[in-house]
């Protein structure tokens, strides 16, 4: 005898005749679900909201209100086996999208946007060889103080008579203002050593 769906039992709906279905392509979580539960899961992944997914899966009665279907769908979506099936099918769907995702990453690698290109490289390395991102403790790494380097560059550019437009293009508008403030602070903090010479009186 076919297993009765809890919501069908509440409505007095008799279970359909047991029909052998092909389950070879189903995962463990989907296999333990009832046919209507499987349909609900697939409808959800197709983009339907919970109430629509439940109604299209055969839940409720022709005259069931939207409120009734919403409550039915909520109960259905909280069943442990349905939750497990949703996760299982979502993972399968994501894996099937891998070729498209790889194609998009390949496009990003050829983009002129350096930030997008760097992000694509990081994603690829993280998924293919995480070890590449780990820093070998035996490798000596030289740490560069970017602010100090940029301050030196700004001083040199200004000394050579670089235009304001050039400086803004090089450092960025906000970056230039920031480095100019840092230079002003440095210059103000410099201590000027004054040599005092004692002048002896002839008296």
N, C-alpha and C. Protein backbone atom coordinates (compact mmCIF):
# COMPACT_ATOMS: atom_id res chain seq x y z
N UNK A 1 0.84 -1.20 0.00
CA UNK A 1 0.00 0.00 0.00
C UNK A 1 0.88 1.25 0.00
N UNK A 2 0.46 2.23 -0.80
CA UNK A 2 1.26 3.44 -0.92
C UNK A 2 1.21 4.25 0.37
N UNK A 3 2.33 4.91 0.68
CA UNK A 3 2.38 5.77 1.86
C UNK A 3 1.48 6.97 1.65
N UNK A 4 0.74 7.34 2.69
CA UNK A 4 -0.19 8.47 2.59
C UNK A 4 0.52 9.75 2.98
N UNK A 5 0.37 10.77 2.14
CA UNK A 5 0.95 12.07 2.45
C UNK A 5 0.15 12.69 3.59
N UNK A 6 0.82 13.24 4.62
CA UNK A 6 0.11 13.81 5.77
C UNK A 6 -0.93 14.85 5.39
N UNK A 7 -0.62 15.71 4.43
CA UNK A 7 -1.57 16.75 4.04
C UNK A 7 -2.74 16.18 3.27
N UNK A 8 -2.50 15.14 2.47
CA UNK A 8 -3.60 14.48 1.77
C UNK A 8 -4.52 13.80 2.77
N UNK A 9 -3.92 13.22 3.81
CA UNK A 9 -4.71 12.53 4.82
C UNK A 9 -5.64 13.50 5.54
N UNK A 10 -5.14 14.72 5.81
CA UNK A 10 -5.96 15.73 6.47
C UNK A 10 -7.17 16.12 5.62
N UNK A 11 -6.97 16.13 4.30
CA UNK A 11 -8.04 16.53 3.39
C UNK A 11 -8.91 15.35 2.96
N UNK A 12 -8.55 14.15 3.39
CA UNK A 12 -9.32 12.97 3.02
C UNK A 12 -9.06 12.50 1.61
N UNK A 13 -7.91 12.89 1.06
CA UNK A 13 -7.57 12.48 -0.31
C UNK A 13 -6.93 11.10 -0.27
N UNK A 14 -7.45 10.19 -1.07
CA UNK A 14 -6.90 8.84 -1.11
C UNK A 14 -5.57 8.85 -1.86
N UNK A 15 -4.63 8.04 -1.41
CA UNK A 15 -3.33 7.99 -2.10
C UNK A 15 -3.49 7.37 -3.47
N UNK A 16 -2.69 7.81 -4.44
CA UNK A 16 -2.77 7.22 -5.78
C UNK A 16 -2.24 5.80 -5.75
N UNK A 17 -2.60 5.05 -6.76
CA UNK A 17 -2.10 3.68 -6.87
C UNK A 17 -0.59 3.70 -6.95
N UNK A 18 0.03 2.73 -6.31
CA UNK A 18 1.49 2.66 -6.28
C UNK A 18 2.00 2.36 -7.68
N UNK A 19 2.82 3.25 -8.19
CA UNK A 19 3.37 3.10 -9.53
C UNK A 19 4.89 3.07 -9.41
N UNK A 20 5.49 2.11 -10.09
CA UNK A 20 6.94 2.02 -10.08
C UNK A 20 7.52 3.20 -10.86
N UNK A 21 8.38 3.94 -10.23
CA UNK A 21 9.00 5.09 -10.89
C UNK A 21 10.50 4.88 -10.98
N UNK A 22 11.09 5.49 -12.00
CA UNK A 22 12.53 5.39 -12.21
C UNK A 22 13.24 6.29 -11.20
N UNK A 23 14.06 5.70 -10.35
CA UNK A 23 14.74 6.48 -9.31
C UNK A 23 16.26 6.40 -9.43
N UNK A 24 16.74 5.82 -10.52
CA UNK A 24 18.19 5.66 -10.66
C UNK A 24 18.91 7.01 -10.68
N UNK A 25 18.24 8.03 -11.22
CA UNK A 25 18.89 9.34 -11.31
C UNK A 25 18.59 10.23 -10.11
N UNK A 26 17.93 9.68 -9.12
CA UNK A 26 17.62 10.44 -7.91
C UNK A 26 18.64 10.19 -6.82
N UNK A 27 18.89 11.21 -6.03
CA UNK A 27 19.80 11.06 -4.91
C UNK A 27 19.10 10.40 -3.74
N UNK A 28 19.84 10.05 -2.70
CA UNK A 28 19.27 9.37 -1.53
C UNK A 28 18.12 10.15 -0.89
N UNK A 29 18.25 11.46 -0.80
CA UNK A 29 17.21 12.27 -0.15
C UNK A 29 15.93 12.28 -0.97
N UNK A 30 16.05 12.38 -2.28
CA UNK A 30 14.86 12.40 -3.14
C UNK A 30 14.17 11.04 -3.16
N UNK A 31 14.94 9.97 -3.03
CA UNK A 31 14.36 8.62 -3.10
C UNK A 31 13.39 8.36 -1.95
N UNK A 32 13.67 8.93 -0.78
CA UNK A 32 12.81 8.66 0.38
C UNK A 32 11.58 9.58 0.40
N UNK A 33 11.53 10.54 -0.51
CA UNK A 33 10.37 11.43 -0.58
C UNK A 33 9.22 10.77 -1.34
N UNK A 34 8.02 11.19 -1.05
CA UNK A 34 6.85 10.76 -1.81
C UNK A 34 6.87 11.46 -3.16
N UNK A 35 6.21 10.89 -4.17
CA UNK A 35 6.21 11.49 -5.50
C UNK A 35 5.80 12.96 -5.51
N UNK A 36 4.77 13.31 -4.75
CA UNK A 36 4.32 14.70 -4.71
C UNK A 36 5.35 15.60 -4.02
N UNK A 37 6.04 15.05 -3.05
CA UNK A 37 7.09 15.82 -2.39
C UNK A 37 8.23 16.09 -3.36
N UNK A 38 8.57 15.10 -4.16
CA UNK A 38 9.61 15.29 -5.18
C UNK A 38 9.21 16.38 -6.16
N UNK A 39 7.93 16.34 -6.57
CA UNK A 39 7.44 17.35 -7.51
C UNK A 39 7.50 18.74 -6.89
N UNK A 40 7.19 18.81 -5.61
CA UNK A 40 7.26 20.08 -4.89
C UNK A 40 8.69 20.61 -4.90
N UNK A 41 9.65 19.74 -4.63
CA UNK A 41 11.06 20.13 -4.62
C UNK A 41 11.48 20.67 -5.98
N UNK A 42 11.13 19.94 -7.04
CA UNK A 42 11.51 20.36 -8.39
C UNK A 42 10.84 21.67 -8.78
N UNK A 43 9.60 21.85 -8.36
CA UNK A 43 8.90 23.10 -8.65
C UNK A 43 9.56 24.28 -7.95
N UNK A 44 10.00 24.05 -6.71
CA UNK A 44 10.70 25.11 -5.98
C UNK A 44 11.97 25.52 -6.70
N UNK A 45 12.73 24.53 -7.17
CA UNK A 45 13.98 24.81 -7.86
C UNK A 45 13.74 25.45 -9.22
N UNK A 46 12.53 25.26 -9.76
CA UNK A 46 12.19 25.87 -11.05
C UNK A 46 11.83 27.35 -10.90
N UNK A 47 11.73 27.81 -9.65
CA UNK A 47 11.48 29.23 -9.42
C UNK A 47 10.11 29.56 -8.87
N UNK A 48 9.28 28.56 -8.62
CA UNK A 48 7.96 28.83 -8.06
C UNK A 48 8.09 29.16 -6.58
N UNK A 49 7.12 29.95 -6.06
CA UNK A 49 7.10 30.14 -4.62
C UNK A 49 6.51 28.89 -3.97
N UNK A 50 6.54 28.84 -2.66
CA UNK A 50 6.15 27.61 -1.97
C UNK A 50 4.70 27.21 -2.26
N UNK A 51 3.79 28.18 -2.21
CA UNK A 51 2.38 27.86 -2.45
C UNK A 51 2.16 27.37 -3.88
N UNK A 52 2.79 28.02 -4.85
CA UNK A 52 2.66 27.59 -6.24
C UNK A 52 3.24 26.20 -6.43
N UNK A 53 4.41 25.97 -5.83
CA UNK A 53 5.06 24.67 -5.96
C UNK A 53 4.19 23.56 -5.40
N UNK A 54 3.54 23.83 -4.26
CA UNK A 54 2.67 22.83 -3.64
C UNK A 54 1.44 22.57 -4.50
N UNK A 55 0.81 23.62 -5.00
CA UNK A 55 -0.40 23.46 -5.81
C UNK A 55 -0.09 22.70 -7.10
N UNK A 56 1.01 23.05 -7.76
CA UNK A 56 1.37 22.37 -9.01
C UNK A 56 1.82 20.93 -8.77
N UNK A 57 2.21 20.62 -7.54
CA UNK A 57 2.60 19.25 -7.21
C UNK A 57 1.38 18.40 -6.87
N UNK A 58 0.20 19.02 -6.79
CA UNK A 58 -1.02 18.27 -6.54
C UNK A 58 -1.57 18.38 -5.14
N UNK A 59 -1.00 19.26 -4.34
CA UNK A 59 -1.50 19.43 -2.98
C UNK A 59 -2.73 20.33 -2.97
N UNK A 60 -3.56 20.15 -1.94
CA UNK A 60 -4.75 20.97 -1.79
C UNK A 60 -5.89 20.48 -2.67
N UNK A 61 -6.98 21.24 -2.65
CA UNK A 61 -8.16 20.95 -3.45
C UNK A 61 -8.37 22.08 -4.45
N UNK A 62 -9.16 21.84 -5.49
CA UNK A 62 -9.38 22.89 -6.49
C UNK A 62 -9.85 24.21 -5.88
N UNK A 63 -10.62 24.14 -4.80
CA UNK A 63 -11.16 25.36 -4.19
C UNK A 63 -10.31 25.85 -3.01
N UNK A 64 -9.14 25.26 -2.79
CA UNK A 64 -8.28 25.68 -1.66
C UNK A 64 -7.85 27.13 -1.85
N UNK A 65 -7.97 27.90 -0.78
CA UNK A 65 -7.60 29.32 -0.84
C UNK A 65 -6.08 29.48 -0.83
N UNK A 66 -5.66 30.70 -1.18
CA UNK A 66 -4.22 30.99 -1.17
C UNK A 66 -3.65 30.84 0.23
N UNK A 67 -4.44 31.22 1.24
CA UNK A 67 -3.97 31.10 2.62
C UNK A 67 -3.80 29.64 3.01
N UNK A 68 -4.74 28.80 2.58
CA UNK A 68 -4.64 27.37 2.88
C UNK A 68 -3.42 26.76 2.21
N UNK A 69 -3.19 27.14 0.96
CA UNK A 69 -2.04 26.60 0.23
C UNK A 69 -0.73 27.08 0.84
N UNK A 70 -0.72 28.32 1.33
CA UNK A 70 0.49 28.85 1.96
C UNK A 70 0.83 28.06 3.21
N UNK A 71 -0.19 27.74 4.02
CA UNK A 71 0.04 26.95 5.23
C UNK A 71 0.50 25.53 4.88
N UNK A 72 -0.15 24.95 3.85
CA UNK A 72 0.24 23.60 3.42
C UNK A 72 1.69 23.59 2.95
N UNK A 73 2.04 24.60 2.14
CA UNK A 73 3.40 24.68 1.60
C UNK A 73 4.43 24.87 2.71
N UNK A 74 4.07 25.66 3.73
CA UNK A 74 5.00 25.88 4.84
C UNK A 74 5.27 24.58 5.59
N UNK A 75 4.20 23.83 5.88
CA UNK A 75 4.38 22.54 6.56
C UNK A 75 5.23 21.60 5.70
N UNK A 76 4.93 21.60 4.41
CA UNK A 76 5.64 20.72 3.49
C UNK A 76 7.13 21.05 3.44
N UNK A 77 7.42 22.34 3.36
CA UNK A 77 8.83 22.77 3.24
C UNK A 77 9.63 22.53 4.50
N UNK A 78 8.94 22.25 5.63
CA UNK A 78 9.64 22.03 6.89
C UNK A 78 9.81 20.56 7.23
N UNK A 79 9.30 19.68 6.38
CA UNK A 79 9.51 18.25 6.61
C UNK A 79 10.99 17.94 6.42
N UNK A 80 11.61 17.25 7.36
CA UNK A 80 13.05 16.96 7.27
C UNK A 80 13.47 16.33 5.94
N UNK A 81 12.69 15.37 5.44
CA UNK A 81 13.09 14.71 4.20
C UNK A 81 12.97 15.65 3.00
N UNK A 82 12.00 16.57 3.06
CA UNK A 82 11.85 17.55 1.98
C UNK A 82 12.98 18.56 2.03
N UNK A 83 13.34 18.99 3.23
CA UNK A 83 14.47 19.92 3.39
C UNK A 83 15.74 19.29 2.84
N UNK A 84 15.97 18.01 3.18
CA UNK A 84 17.16 17.31 2.69
C UNK A 84 17.14 17.20 1.18
N UNK A 85 15.96 16.95 0.61
CA UNK A 85 15.85 16.82 -0.84
C UNK A 85 16.09 18.16 -1.53
N UNK A 86 15.61 19.24 -0.93
CA UNK A 86 15.85 20.57 -1.50
C UNK A 86 17.34 20.89 -1.56
N UNK A 87 18.04 20.56 -0.47
CA UNK A 87 19.49 20.80 -0.44
C UNK A 87 20.19 19.93 -1.48
N UNK A 88 19.80 18.67 -1.56
CA UNK A 88 20.41 17.73 -2.49
C UNK A 88 20.24 18.19 -3.94
N UNK A 89 19.01 18.57 -4.30
CA UNK A 89 18.74 18.99 -5.67
C UNK A 89 19.38 20.34 -5.99
N UNK A 90 19.45 21.22 -5.00
CA UNK A 90 20.10 22.51 -5.22
C UNK A 90 21.58 22.33 -5.52
N UNK A 91 22.22 21.40 -4.80
CA UNK A 91 23.64 21.13 -5.05
C UNK A 91 23.85 20.56 -6.44
N UNK A 92 22.95 19.67 -6.87
CA UNK A 92 23.04 19.11 -8.22
C UNK A 92 22.88 20.21 -9.27
N UNK A 93 21.94 21.12 -9.02
CA UNK A 93 21.71 22.21 -9.97
C UNK A 93 22.93 23.11 -10.08
N UNK A 94 23.56 23.39 -8.94
CA UNK A 94 24.75 24.24 -8.95
C UNK A 94 25.89 23.57 -9.70
N UNK A 95 26.05 22.27 -9.48
CA UNK A 95 27.13 21.55 -10.18
C UNK A 95 26.89 21.56 -11.69
N UNK A 96 25.63 21.46 -12.09
CA UNK A 96 25.33 21.44 -13.52
C UNK A 96 25.61 22.79 -14.17
N UNK A 97 25.66 23.84 -13.35
CA UNK A 97 25.94 25.18 -13.87
C UNK A 97 27.43 25.46 -13.94
N UNK A 98 28.25 24.52 -13.52
CA UNK A 98 29.70 24.73 -13.48
C UNK A 98 30.28 25.13 -14.84
N UNK A 99 29.90 24.46 -15.95
CA UNK A 99 30.47 24.86 -17.25
C UNK A 99 30.18 26.32 -17.59
N UNK A 100 28.96 26.80 -17.30
CA UNK A 100 28.62 28.19 -17.56
C UNK A 100 29.44 29.12 -16.67
N UNK A 101 29.61 28.72 -15.41
CA UNK A 101 30.39 29.54 -14.48
C UNK A 101 31.85 29.63 -14.93
N UNK A 102 32.38 28.51 -15.41
CA UNK A 102 33.76 28.51 -15.90
C UNK A 102 33.90 29.43 -17.10
N UNK A 103 32.88 29.40 -17.97
CA UNK A 103 32.91 30.28 -19.14
C UNK A 103 32.90 31.75 -18.73
N UNK A 104 32.12 32.07 -17.72
CA UNK A 104 32.06 33.45 -17.24
C UNK A 104 33.39 33.87 -16.62
N UNK A 105 34.01 32.95 -15.86
CA UNK A 105 35.33 33.24 -15.29
C UNK A 105 36.37 33.46 -16.38
N UNK A 106 36.25 32.67 -17.45
CA UNK A 106 37.19 32.82 -18.56
C UNK A 106 37.04 34.20 -19.20
N UNK A 107 35.81 34.69 -19.29
CA UNK A 107 35.58 36.03 -19.84
C UNK A 107 36.17 37.10 -18.92
N UNK A 108 36.02 36.89 -17.60
CA UNK A 108 36.57 37.85 -16.65
C UNK A 108 38.09 37.94 -16.74
N UNK A 109 38.72 36.80 -17.06
CA UNK A 109 40.18 36.79 -17.16
C UNK A 109 40.67 37.64 -18.33
N UNK A 110 39.81 37.87 -19.31
CA UNK A 110 40.20 38.67 -20.47
C UNK A 110 39.68 40.10 -20.38
N UNK A 111 39.08 40.45 -19.26
CA UNK A 111 38.52 41.79 -19.11
C UNK A 111 39.62 42.81 -18.89
N UNK A 112 39.29 44.06 -19.13
CA UNK A 112 40.25 45.13 -18.92
C UNK A 112 40.17 45.68 -17.49
N UNK A 113 39.18 45.19 -16.74
CA UNK A 113 39.02 45.63 -15.35
C UNK A 113 39.96 44.81 -14.47
N UNK A 114 41.03 45.40 -13.95
CA UNK A 114 42.00 44.63 -13.15
C UNK A 114 41.41 44.02 -11.90
N UNK A 115 40.43 44.71 -11.26
CA UNK A 115 39.82 44.16 -10.05
C UNK A 115 39.02 42.91 -10.36
N UNK A 116 38.27 42.94 -11.47
CA UNK A 116 37.48 41.77 -11.87
C UNK A 116 38.40 40.61 -12.24
N UNK A 117 39.49 40.93 -12.92
CA UNK A 117 40.44 39.89 -13.32
C UNK A 117 41.08 39.24 -12.09
N UNK A 118 41.48 40.06 -11.11
CA UNK A 118 42.10 39.54 -9.89
C UNK A 118 41.12 38.66 -9.14
N UNK A 119 39.85 39.07 -9.06
CA UNK A 119 38.84 38.28 -8.36
C UNK A 119 38.65 36.94 -9.05
N UNK A 120 38.63 36.94 -10.38
CA UNK A 120 38.47 35.69 -11.12
C UNK A 120 39.64 34.75 -10.84
N UNK A 121 40.84 35.29 -10.81
CA UNK A 121 42.03 34.48 -10.54
C UNK A 121 41.95 33.88 -9.14
N UNK A 122 41.54 34.69 -8.16
CA UNK A 122 41.42 34.21 -6.78
C UNK A 122 40.40 33.09 -6.67
N UNK A 123 39.28 33.24 -7.36
CA UNK A 123 38.23 32.21 -7.32
C UNK A 123 38.75 30.91 -7.92
N UNK A 124 39.42 31.01 -9.07
CA UNK A 124 39.93 29.81 -9.73
C UNK A 124 40.96 29.11 -8.86
N UNK A 125 41.89 29.86 -8.30
CA UNK A 125 42.92 29.25 -7.46
C UNK A 125 42.32 28.62 -6.21
N UNK A 126 41.33 29.28 -5.62
CA UNK A 126 40.70 28.75 -4.41
C UNK A 126 39.99 27.44 -4.67
N UNK A 127 39.44 27.28 -5.89
CA UNK A 127 38.68 26.07 -6.21
C UNK A 127 39.56 24.94 -6.75
N UNK A 128 40.68 25.31 -7.39
CA UNK A 128 41.50 24.28 -8.02
C UNK A 128 42.69 23.86 -7.18
N UNK A 129 43.37 24.82 -6.57
CA UNK A 129 44.56 24.49 -5.79
C UNK A 129 44.68 25.46 -4.62
N UNK A 130 43.94 25.20 -3.53
CA UNK A 130 43.98 26.10 -2.37
C UNK A 130 45.39 26.28 -1.82
N UNK A 131 46.26 25.29 -2.05
CA UNK A 131 47.61 25.38 -1.51
C UNK A 131 48.37 26.56 -2.10
N UNK A 132 47.98 27.00 -3.30
CA UNK A 132 48.67 28.11 -3.94
C UNK A 132 48.49 29.38 -3.12
N UNK A 133 47.36 29.47 -2.42
CA UNK A 133 47.09 30.68 -1.66
C UNK A 133 47.74 30.68 -0.28
N UNK A 134 48.25 29.53 0.13
CA UNK A 134 48.90 29.47 1.44
C UNK A 134 50.34 29.98 1.33
N UNK A 135 50.77 30.68 2.35
CA UNK A 135 52.13 31.22 2.35
C UNK A 135 53.07 30.25 3.04
N UNK A 136 54.10 29.85 2.34
CA UNK A 136 55.09 28.96 2.91
C UNK A 136 55.89 29.76 3.95
N UNK A 137 55.92 29.26 5.18
CA UNK A 137 56.60 29.98 6.24
C UNK A 137 58.10 30.04 6.01
N UNK A 138 58.61 29.15 5.17
CA UNK A 138 60.05 29.14 4.92
C UNK A 138 60.46 30.15 3.86
N UNK A 139 59.48 30.78 3.22
CA UNK A 139 59.80 31.75 2.18
C UNK A 139 59.87 33.13 2.80
N UNK A 140 60.95 33.83 2.53
CA UNK A 140 61.11 35.18 3.06
C UNK A 140 60.30 36.13 2.21
N UNK A 141 59.41 36.87 2.84
CA UNK A 141 58.55 37.81 2.13
C UNK A 141 58.94 39.23 2.51
N UNK A 142 59.18 40.04 1.50
CA UNK A 142 59.52 41.43 1.75
C UNK A 142 58.23 42.24 1.81
N UNK A 143 58.00 42.88 2.94
CA UNK A 143 56.79 43.67 3.13
C UNK A 143 57.06 45.10 2.68
N UNK A 144 56.24 45.59 1.77
CA UNK A 144 56.42 46.94 1.24
C UNK A 144 55.38 47.86 1.86
N UNK A 145 55.85 48.96 2.41
CA UNK A 145 54.95 49.96 2.97
C UNK A 145 54.44 50.82 1.82
N UNK A 146 53.22 50.53 1.37
CA UNK A 146 52.67 51.22 0.21
C UNK A 146 52.53 52.72 0.45
N UNK A 147 52.12 53.09 1.65
CA UNK A 147 51.96 54.51 1.95
C UNK A 147 53.29 55.24 1.84
N UNK A 148 54.34 54.64 2.40
CA UNK A 148 55.65 55.28 2.34
C UNK A 148 56.13 55.43 0.91
N UNK A 149 55.90 54.39 0.10
CA UNK A 149 56.31 54.43 -1.30
C UNK A 149 55.54 55.51 -2.06
N UNK A 150 54.25 55.60 -1.79
CA UNK A 150 53.43 56.59 -2.48
C UNK A 150 53.77 58.02 -2.05
N UNK A 151 54.13 58.18 -0.78
CA UNK A 151 54.53 59.51 -0.31
C UNK A 151 55.83 59.95 -0.99
N UNK A 152 56.76 59.02 -1.14
CA UNK A 152 58.01 59.34 -1.85
C UNK A 152 57.72 59.73 -3.29
N UNK A 153 56.83 58.95 -3.92
CA UNK A 153 56.48 59.22 -5.32
C UNK A 153 55.81 60.59 -5.46
N UNK A 154 54.91 60.91 -4.52
CA UNK A 154 54.22 62.20 -4.59
C UNK A 154 55.19 63.35 -4.43
N UNK A 155 56.12 63.22 -3.49
CA UNK A 155 57.12 64.28 -3.31
C UNK A 155 57.95 64.46 -4.58
N UNK A 156 58.33 63.33 -5.20
CA UNK A 156 59.14 63.38 -6.42
C UNK A 156 58.36 64.01 -7.57
N UNK A 157 57.08 63.62 -7.70
CA UNK A 157 56.26 64.18 -8.78
C UNK A 157 56.10 65.69 -8.62
N UNK A 158 55.84 66.13 -7.37
CA UNK A 158 55.66 67.56 -7.13
C UNK A 158 56.95 68.33 -7.38
N UNK A 159 58.07 67.72 -7.01
CA UNK A 159 59.36 68.37 -7.23
C UNK A 159 59.65 68.53 -8.71
N UNK A 160 59.13 67.60 -9.52
CA UNK A 160 59.38 67.65 -10.97
C UNK A 160 58.35 68.53 -11.69
N UNK A 161 57.39 69.10 -10.92
CA UNK A 161 56.42 70.00 -11.52
C UNK A 161 55.23 69.31 -12.15
N UNK A 162 54.88 68.11 -11.68
CA UNK A 162 53.74 67.38 -12.24
C UNK A 162 52.45 68.17 -12.03
N UNK A 163 51.55 68.10 -13.00
CA UNK A 163 50.29 68.84 -12.91
C UNK A 163 49.33 68.17 -11.92
N UNK A 164 48.35 68.95 -11.48
CA UNK A 164 47.34 68.43 -10.56
C UNK A 164 46.55 67.30 -11.20
N UNK A 165 46.25 67.46 -12.48
CA UNK A 165 45.48 66.44 -13.20
C UNK A 165 46.24 65.12 -13.24
N UNK A 166 47.55 65.20 -13.49
CA UNK A 166 48.37 63.99 -13.53
C UNK A 166 48.37 63.30 -12.17
N UNK A 167 48.52 64.09 -11.11
CA UNK A 167 48.57 63.52 -9.76
C UNK A 167 47.25 62.85 -9.39
N UNK A 168 46.14 63.47 -9.78
CA UNK A 168 44.83 62.87 -9.48
C UNK A 168 44.62 61.58 -10.25
N UNK A 169 45.10 61.53 -11.49
CA UNK A 169 44.98 60.30 -12.28
C UNK A 169 45.86 59.20 -11.71
N UNK A 170 47.01 59.58 -11.18
CA UNK A 170 47.97 58.59 -10.66
C UNK A 170 47.52 58.02 -9.31
N UNK A 171 47.16 58.91 -8.39
CA UNK A 171 46.81 58.48 -7.03
C UNK A 171 45.30 58.37 -6.79
N UNK A 172 44.51 58.92 -7.70
CA UNK A 172 43.07 59.00 -7.46
C UNK A 172 42.77 60.27 -6.68
N UNK A 173 41.58 60.82 -6.87
CA UNK A 173 41.25 62.11 -6.23
C UNK A 173 41.36 62.02 -4.71
N UNK A 174 40.68 61.04 -4.12
CA UNK A 174 40.70 60.92 -2.66
C UNK A 174 42.07 60.48 -2.16
N UNK A 175 42.75 59.63 -2.95
CA UNK A 175 44.08 59.17 -2.55
C UNK A 175 45.07 60.31 -2.51
N UNK A 176 44.98 61.21 -3.48
CA UNK A 176 45.89 62.36 -3.52
C UNK A 176 45.68 63.24 -2.30
N UNK A 177 44.43 63.52 -1.97
CA UNK A 177 44.14 64.34 -0.79
C UNK A 177 44.69 63.69 0.47
N UNK A 178 44.55 62.38 0.55
CA UNK A 178 45.02 61.66 1.74
C UNK A 178 46.54 61.77 1.87
N UNK A 179 47.25 61.54 0.75
CA UNK A 179 48.71 61.58 0.82
C UNK A 179 49.22 63.00 1.05
N UNK A 180 48.51 63.99 0.53
CA UNK A 180 48.92 65.38 0.77
C UNK A 180 48.78 65.73 2.25
N UNK A 181 47.73 65.24 2.88
CA UNK A 181 47.56 65.48 4.32
C UNK A 181 48.67 64.79 5.12
N UNK A 182 49.04 63.58 4.68
CA UNK A 182 50.10 62.86 5.37
C UNK A 182 51.43 63.59 5.25
N UNK A 183 51.69 64.16 4.08
CA UNK A 183 52.93 64.91 3.88
C UNK A 183 52.93 66.16 4.76
N UNK A 184 51.78 66.82 4.84
CA UNK A 184 51.68 68.03 5.67
C UNK A 184 51.95 67.70 7.14
N UNK A 185 51.44 66.57 7.59
CA UNK A 185 51.67 66.14 8.98
C UNK A 185 53.14 65.83 9.20
N UNK A 186 53.75 65.13 8.23
CA UNK A 186 55.18 64.80 8.34
C UNK A 186 56.02 66.06 8.42
N UNK A 187 55.72 67.01 7.53
CA UNK A 187 56.52 68.25 7.48
C UNK A 187 56.36 69.06 8.77
N UNK A 188 55.14 69.06 9.30
CA UNK A 188 54.90 69.83 10.52
C UNK A 188 55.57 69.20 11.73
N UNK A 189 55.77 67.88 11.66
CA UNK A 189 56.34 67.17 12.81
C UNK A 189 57.86 67.17 12.82
N UNK A 190 58.43 67.62 11.72
CA UNK A 190 59.89 67.62 11.66
C UNK A 190 60.45 68.61 12.69
N UNK A 191 61.46 68.18 13.36
CA UNK A 191 62.10 69.02 14.37
C UNK A 191 63.31 69.71 13.74
N UNK A 192 63.28 71.01 13.80
CA UNK A 192 64.40 71.78 13.22
C UNK A 192 65.41 72.07 14.33
N UNK A 193 66.57 71.52 14.15
CA UNK A 193 67.63 71.74 15.15
C UNK A 193 68.26 73.12 14.92
N UNK A 194 68.17 73.92 15.90
CA UNK A 194 68.76 75.25 15.81
C UNK A 194 69.99 75.31 16.72
N UNK A 195 71.06 75.70 16.15
CA UNK A 195 72.30 75.78 16.94
C UNK A 195 72.40 77.17 17.56
N UNK A 196 72.37 77.18 18.85
CA UNK A 196 72.46 78.45 19.56
C UNK A 196 73.93 78.74 19.88
N UNK A 197 74.36 79.91 19.53
CA UNK A 197 75.74 80.32 19.82
C UNK A 197 75.72 81.39 20.92
N UNK A 198 76.41 81.09 21.96
CA UNK A 198 76.44 82.04 23.08
C UNK A 198 77.40 83.19 22.75
N UNK A 199 76.85 84.38 22.80
CA UNK A 199 77.67 85.56 22.51
C UNK A 199 78.10 86.19 23.85
N UNK A 200 79.38 86.21 24.05
CA UNK A 200 79.91 86.75 25.31
C UNK A 200 79.96 88.28 25.26
N UNK A 201 79.58 88.84 26.35
CA UNK A 201 79.60 90.30 26.44
C UNK A 201 81.03 90.79 26.65
N UNK A 202 81.34 91.98 26.08
CA UNK A 202 82.67 92.55 26.26
C UNK A 202 82.84 93.19 27.63
N UNK A 203 81.67 93.33 28.31
CA UNK A 203 81.77 93.94 29.64
C UNK A 203 82.46 93.01 30.62
